Amino acid sequence: MMQEIPKYSNLHEILPELLPVLQESVQTDRLEIQKIDKQSKKFIMALERFPALKDAVYVIYSKFIKKCEHEYETFIFLDEKGKSISHISGRELTLYGIIKPCEEFCISEDYIFQEED
């Protein structure tokens, strides 16, 4: 059995309230975490429909779902400490144009070397 190597070395420090199942899924690269681009016009418009997103900083989603099937996905929005604040389906909102990479997370060296194998 292959040992799972954590993707981010500082995920728990940045998001201490992230549920263990979400942390494990992000760390094993089953789910993706991105930062919300609060300056994007699309996000500002989404706030009118989803006011709970005003405290959203991150979103977790599956990077394996095909674009044509995104409407069946649920996006998990997190606050600055990793607490889940809203779940929104792909039918209600698309992430395109409102997310950007998380520069604050450090990819662990073990994960990088595993990727090179």
C-alpha atoms as a PDB file:
ATOM      1  CA  MET A   1       0.000   0.000   0.000  1.00  0.00           C
ATOM      2  CA  MET A   2       1.356   3.396  -0.998  1.00  0.00           C
ATOM      3  CA  GLN A   3       1.842   5.920   1.798  1.00  0.00           C
ATOM      4  CA  GLU A   4       0.000   9.197   1.309  1.00  0.00           C
ATOM      5  CA  ILE A   5       2.362  12.182   1.353  1.00  0.00           C
ATOM      6  CA  PRO A   6       0.814  15.477   2.507  1.00  0.00           C
ATOM      7  CA  LYS A   7       0.704  18.072  -0.234  1.00  0.00           C
ATOM      8  CA  TYR A   8       0.981  21.179   1.991  1.00  0.00           C
ATOM      9  CA  SER A   9       3.368  21.471   4.923  1.00  0.00           C
ATOM     10  CA  ASN A  10       1.498  24.376   6.544  1.00  0.00           C
ATOM     11  CA  LEU A  11      -2.172  23.662   5.814  1.00  0.00           C
ATOM     12  CA  HIS A  12      -3.087  22.974   9.451  1.00  0.00           C
ATOM     13  CA  GLU A  13      -1.347  26.144  10.664  1.00  0.00           C
ATOM     14  CA  ILE A  14      -3.191  28.359   8.185  1.00  0.00           C
ATOM     15  CA  LEU A  15      -6.556  26.577   8.454  1.00  0.00           C
ATOM     16  CA  PRO A  16      -6.733  25.203  12.023  1.00  0.00           C
ATOM     17  CA  GLU A  17     -10.538  24.788  11.896  1.00  0.00           C
ATOM     18  CA  LEU A  18     -10.592  22.761   8.676  1.00  0.00           C
ATOM     19  CA  LEU A  19     -12.502  19.520   9.200  1.00  0.00           C
ATOM     20  CA  PRO A  20     -10.177  16.482   9.282  1.00  0.00           C
ATOM     21  CA  VAL A  21     -11.904  14.811   6.322  1.00  0.00           C
ATOM     22  CA  LEU A  22     -11.438  17.945   4.195  1.00  0.00           C
ATOM     23  CA  GLN A  23      -7.854  18.362   5.364  1.00  0.00           C
ATOM     24  CA  GLU A  24      -7.052  14.776   4.417  1.00  0.00           C
ATOM     25  CA  SER A  25      -8.764  15.125   1.039  1.00  0.00           C
ATOM     26  CA  VAL A  26      -6.815  18.282   0.213  1.00  0.00           C
ATOM     27  CA  GLN A  27      -3.539  16.851   1.529  1.00  0.00           C
ATOM     28  CA  THR A  28      -3.904  13.695  -0.572  1.00  0.00           C
ATOM     29  CA  ASP A  29      -4.807  15.772  -3.633  1.00  0.00           C
ATOM     30  CA  ARG A  30      -8.323  14.303  -3.921  1.00  0.00           C
ATOM     31  CA  LEU A  31      -9.830  17.762  -3.525  1.00  0.00           C
ATOM     32  CA  GLU A  32      -8.441  21.139  -4.537  1.00  0.00           C
ATOM     33  CA  ILE A  33      -8.366  24.319  -2.450  1.00  0.00           C
ATOM     34  CA  GLN A  34      -8.234  27.762  -4.010  1.00  0.00           C
ATOM     35  CA  LYS A  35      -8.536  31.307  -2.745  1.00  0.00           C
ATOM     36  CA  ILE A  36     -11.543  33.499  -3.525  1.00  0.00           C
ATOM     37  CA  ASP A  37     -10.751  36.536  -5.686  1.00  0.00           C
ATOM     38  CA  LYS A  38     -12.857  39.052  -3.765  1.00  0.00           C
ATOM     39  CA  GLN A  39     -11.985  41.771  -6.277  1.00  0.00           C
ATOM     40  CA  SER A  40     -13.470  39.920  -9.243  1.00  0.00           C
ATOM     41  CA  LYS A  41     -16.627  41.375 -10.706  1.00  0.00           C
ATOM     42  CA  LYS A  42     -18.202  37.923 -10.818  1.00  0.00           C
ATOM     43  CA  PHE A  43     -17.639  37.378  -7.086  1.00  0.00           C
ATOM     44  CA  ILE A  44     -19.058  40.787  -6.209  1.00  0.00           C
ATOM     45  CA  MET A  45     -22.180  39.910  -8.219  1.00  0.00           C
ATOM     46  CA  ALA A  46     -22.393  36.490  -6.519  1.00  0.00           C
ATOM     47  CA  LEU A  47     -22.490  38.197  -3.109  1.00  0.00           C
ATOM     48  CA  GLU A  48     -25.893  39.643  -3.972  1.00  0.00           C
ATOM     49  CA  ARG A  49     -27.297  36.145  -4.384  1.00  0.00           C
ATOM     50  CA  PHE A  50     -25.191  34.462  -1.677  1.00  0.00           C
ATOM     51  CA  PRO A  51     -24.540  36.981   1.137  1.00  0.00           C
ATOM     52  CA  ALA A  52     -22.987  34.248   3.322  1.00  0.00           C
ATOM     53  CA  LEU A  53     -19.962  34.360   0.989  1.00  0.00           C
ATOM     54  CA  LYS A  54     -18.892  37.737   2.373  1.00  0.00           C
ATOM     55  CA  ASP A  55     -16.723  35.872   4.914  1.00  0.00           C
ATOM     56  CA  ALA A  56     -15.474  33.289   2.392  1.00  0.00           C
ATOM     57  CA  VAL A  57     -11.721  33.214   1.822  1.00  0.00           C
ATOM     58  CA  TYR A  58     -11.218  29.731   0.331  1.00  0.00           C
ATOM     59  CA  VAL A  59     -13.203  27.177  -1.627  1.00  0.00           C
ATOM     60  CA  ILE A  60     -12.740  23.415  -1.831  1.00  0.00           C
ATOM     61  CA  TYR A  61     -13.862  21.510  -4.913  1.00  0.00           C
ATOM     62  CA  SER A  62     -13.045  18.436  -6.954  1.00  0.00           C
ATOM     63  CA  LYS A  63     -10.511  18.931  -9.700  1.00  0.00           C
ATOM     64  CA  PHE A  64     -11.480  15.563 -11.182  1.00  0.00           C
ATOM     65  CA  ILE A  65     -15.058  16.376 -12.161  1.00  0.00           C
ATOM     66  CA  LYS A  66     -15.455  17.108 -15.856  1.00  0.00           C
ATOM     67  CA  LYS A  67     -16.501  20.641 -16.752  1.00  0.00           C
ATOM     68  CA  CYS A  68     -19.767  19.354 -18.227  1.00  0.00           C
ATOM     69  CA  GLU A  69     -20.647  17.764 -14.858  1.00  0.00           C
ATOM     70  CA  HIS A  70     -19.855  20.705 -12.557  1.00  0.00           C
ATOM     71  CA  GLU A  71     -23.545  21.345 -11.963  1.00  0.00           C
ATOM     72  CA  TYR A  72     -23.630  18.145  -9.874  1.00  0.00           C
ATOM     73  CA  GLU A  73     -20.761  19.225  -7.627  1.00  0.00           C
ATOM     74  CA  THR A  74     -20.976  20.998  -4.266  1.00  0.00           C
ATOM     75  CA  PHE A  75     -18.444  23.696  -3.497  1.00  0.00           C
ATOM     76  CA  ILE A  76     -17.397  24.142   0.135  1.00  0.00           C
ATOM     77  CA  PHE A  77     -16.617  27.727   1.068  1.00  0.00           C
ATOM     78  CA  LEU A  78     -14.360  28.347   4.062  1.00  0.00           C
ATOM     79  CA  ASP A  79     -13.591  31.340   6.238  1.00  0.00           C
ATOM     80  CA  GLU A  80     -10.062  32.553   7.038  1.00  0.00           C
ATOM     81  CA  LYS A  81      -9.485  29.765   9.606  1.00  0.00           C
ATOM     82  CA  GLY A  82     -10.930  26.929   7.523  1.00  0.00           C
ATOM     83  CA  LYS A  83     -14.390  26.766   9.064  1.00  0.00           C
ATOM     84  CA  SER A  84     -17.053  25.739   6.547  1.00  0.00           C
ATOM     85  CA  ILE A  85     -19.460  28.633   6.048  1.00  0.00           C
ATOM     86  CA  SER A  86     -21.434  27.679   2.952  1.00  0.00           C
ATOM     87  CA  HIS A  87     -22.066  24.830   0.522  1.00  0.00           C
ATOM     88  CA  ILE A  88     -23.208  25.884  -2.933  1.00  0.00           C
ATOM     89  CA  SER A  89     -23.950  23.604  -5.851  1.00  0.00           C
ATOM     90  CA  GLY A  90     -22.487  23.992  -9.294  1.00  0.00           C
ATOM     91  CA  ARG A  91     -26.040  24.564 -10.548  1.00  0.00           C
ATOM     92  CA  GLU A  92     -26.193  27.771  -8.541  1.00  0.00           C
ATOM     93  CA  LEU A  93     -22.667  29.086  -9.058  1.00  0.00           C
ATOM     94  CA  THR A  94     -19.620  28.415 -11.187  1.00  0.00           C
ATOM     95  CA  LEU A  95     -16.142  29.010  -9.818  1.00  0.00           C
ATOM     96  CA  TYR A  96     -14.685  30.248 -13.077  1.00  0.00           C
ATOM     97  CA  GLY A  97     -13.623  33.854 -12.670  1.00  0.00           C
ATOM     98  CA  ILE A  98     -13.802  33.947  -8.857  1.00  0.00           C
ATOM     99  CA  ILE A  99     -10.855  31.792  -7.739  1.00  0.00           C
ATOM    100  CA  LYS A 100      -7.096  32.095  -7.758  1.00  0.00           C
ATOM    101  CA  PRO A 101      -4.177  29.987  -6.448  1.00  0.00           C
ATOM    102  CA  CYS A 102      -3.347  29.949  -2.728  1.00  0.00           C
ATOM    103  CA  GLU A 103       0.117  31.422  -2.435  1.00  0.00           C
ATOM    104  CA  GLU A 104       0.185  31.052   1.354  1.00  0.00           C
ATOM    105  CA  PHE A 105       0.347  27.240   1.281  1.00  0.00           C
ATOM    106  CA  CYS A 106       3.789  25.643   1.080  1.00  0.00           C
ATOM    107  CA  ILE A 107       3.992  22.462  -0.969  1.00  0.00           C
ATOM    108  CA  SER A 108       5.979  19.938   1.051  1.00  0.00           C
ATOM    109  CA  GLU A 109       9.320  18.777  -0.305  1.00  0.00           C
ATOM    110  CA  ASP A 110       8.324  15.118   0.041  1.00  0.00           C
ATOM    111  CA  TYR A 111       5.293  15.784  -2.153  1.00  0.00           C
ATOM    112  CA  ILE A 112       7.397  17.527  -4.801  1.00  0.00           C
ATOM    113  CA  PHE A 113       9.910  14.674  -4.920  1.00  0.00           C
ATOM    114  CA  GLN A 114       7.086  12.120  -5.091  1.00  0.00           C
ATOM    115  CA  GLU A 115       5.664  13.956  -8.107  1.00  0.00           C
ATOM    116  CA  GLU A 116       9.028  13.755  -9.889  1.00  0.00           C
ATOM    117  CA  ASP A 117       9.210   9.943  -9.602  1.00  0.00           C
END
